[in-house]
Protein backbone atom coordinates (compact mmCIF):
# COMPACT_ATOMS: atom_id res chain seq x y z
CA UNK A 1 -47.88 32.47 -16.67
CA UNK A 2 -50.23 30.01 -14.98
CA UNK A 3 -49.96 26.49 -16.25
CA UNK A 4 -53.34 24.75 -16.67
CA UNK A 5 -52.07 21.50 -15.16
CA UNK A 6 -50.69 23.21 -12.04
CA UNK A 7 -52.32 25.04 -9.10
CA UNK A 8 -50.40 28.10 -7.84
CA UNK A 9 -49.90 28.78 -4.14
CA UNK A 10 -52.55 31.17 -2.78
CA UNK A 11 -49.89 33.53 -1.37
CA UNK A 12 -49.15 36.37 -3.82
CA UNK A 13 -45.72 36.28 -5.49
CA UNK A 14 -45.09 32.68 -4.40
CA UNK A 15 -43.90 30.64 -7.35
CA UNK A 16 -44.66 27.23 -5.88
CA UNK A 17 -47.29 25.07 -7.55
CA UNK A 18 -49.03 21.75 -7.00
CA UNK A 19 -50.19 19.19 -9.50
CA UNK A 20 -53.83 19.53 -10.54
CA UNK A 21 -55.84 16.33 -10.11
CA UNK A 22 -58.93 15.33 -12.08
CA UNK A 23 -61.07 15.81 -8.96
CA UNK A 24 -59.94 19.44 -8.54
CA UNK A 25 -62.40 22.09 -9.57
CA UNK A 26 -61.56 25.29 -11.43
CA UNK A 27 -61.34 27.32 -8.20
CA UNK A 28 -59.08 24.94 -6.29
CA UNK A 29 -56.63 26.68 -3.96
CA UNK A 30 -53.70 25.42 -1.97
CA UNK A 31 -50.95 26.68 0.31
CA UNK A 32 -47.40 25.46 -0.19
CA UNK A 33 -45.68 23.87 2.79
CA UNK A 34 -43.59 26.87 3.92
CA UNK A 35 -46.59 29.22 3.78
CA UNK A 36 -48.93 26.70 5.44
CA UNK A 37 -46.46 26.48 8.33
CA UNK A 38 -46.76 30.24 8.92
CA UNK A 39 -50.29 29.84 10.31
CA UNK A 40 -50.99 28.97 13.95
CA UNK A 41 -50.55 25.32 14.87
CA UNK A 42 -53.89 25.22 16.70
CA UNK A 43 -55.72 26.71 13.71
CA UNK A 44 -54.18 24.08 11.41
CA UNK A 45 -55.19 21.34 13.84
CA UNK A 46 -58.79 22.56 13.97
CA UNK A 47 -58.88 22.83 10.17
CA UNK A 48 -57.67 19.24 9.77
CA UNK A 49 -60.22 18.10 12.34
CA UNK A 50 -63.04 19.87 10.49
CA UNK A 51 -62.00 18.33 7.16
CA UNK A 52 -61.75 14.87 8.73
CA UNK A 53 -65.25 15.26 10.17
CA UNK A 54 -66.61 16.45 6.81
CA UNK A 55 -65.11 13.44 5.04
CA UNK A 56 -66.49 11.13 7.73
CA UNK A 57 -69.98 12.58 7.25
CA UNK A 58 -69.66 12.26 3.46
CA UNK A 59 -68.69 8.58 3.77
CA UNK A 60 -71.67 8.00 6.07
CA UNK A 61 -73.94 9.64 3.47
CA UNK A 62 -72.59 7.33 0.75
CA UNK A 63 -73.26 4.30 2.95
CA UNK A 64 -76.80 5.52 3.58
CA UNK A 65 -77.36 6.06 -0.15
CA UNK A 66 -76.42 2.47 -0.81
CA UNK A 67 -78.89 1.22 1.82
CA UNK A 68 -81.80 3.30 0.48
CA UNK A 69 -83.23 0.92 -2.11
CA UNK A 70 -86.53 2.66 -2.86
CA UNK A 71 -84.83 5.85 -4.08
CA UNK A 72 -86.47 8.11 -1.49
CA UNK A 73 -84.41 11.31 -1.41
CA UNK A 74 -86.32 12.57 1.63
CA UNK A 75 -84.35 10.25 3.90
CA UNK A 76 -81.05 11.72 2.69
CA UNK A 77 -81.77 15.45 2.95
CA UNK A 78 -80.93 15.96 6.66
CA UNK A 79 -77.72 14.01 6.27
CA UNK A 80 -76.81 15.87 3.07
CA UNK A 81 -77.35 19.21 4.85
CA UNK A 82 -75.05 18.05 7.64
CA UNK A 83 -72.36 17.12 5.10
CA UNK A 84 -72.61 20.57 3.50
CA UNK A 85 -72.44 22.24 6.91
CA UNK A 86 -69.22 20.40 7.79
CA UNK A 87 -67.59 21.12 4.42
CA UNK A 88 -68.49 24.82 4.75
CA UNK A 89 -66.97 24.82 8.22
CA UNK A 90 -63.82 23.19 6.86
CA UNK A 91 -63.67 25.81 4.10
CA UNK A 92 -63.97 28.64 6.65
CA UNK A 93 -60.98 27.21 8.51
CA UNK A 94 -58.99 27.05 5.28
CA UNK A 95 -59.88 30.68 4.50
CA UNK A 96 -58.69 31.74 7.98
CA UNK A 97 -55.45 29.76 7.56
CA UNK A 98 -54.93 31.29 4.10
CA UNK A 99 -55.55 34.83 5.38
CA UNK A 100 -53.16 34.36 8.29
CA UNK A 101 -50.47 32.84 6.03
CA UNK A 102 -50.72 35.70 3.53
CA UNK A 103 -50.52 38.32 6.30
CA UNK A 104 -47.52 36.66 7.90
CA UNK A 105 -45.75 36.19 4.56
CA UNK A 106 -46.20 39.91 3.90
CA UNK A 107 -44.99 40.78 7.41
CA UNK A 108 -48.29 42.31 8.49
CA UNK A 109 -48.96 40.12 11.50
């Protein structure tokens, strides 16, 4: 019963959905507001901080790309690795928040 233009909440049996944007990939996940609030406040804060840092690093990479006129990719590799590292860290926080929200919604924790 999934609608292709909507993203379902990651918590099983939750009927809430969010609008799918053009930038969303096929494996995009989200937590609805009530389920997101079930996770620890400190964990949510750290997750937001990690995502902010990842976006900051990505913006810095884009600025560096614009300054590199000769097309040398070698100058961008360390910075690109750092961007990936921060986005992976942000994703790990989201996975922890999602796991905690699902457990608390089910009454496990």
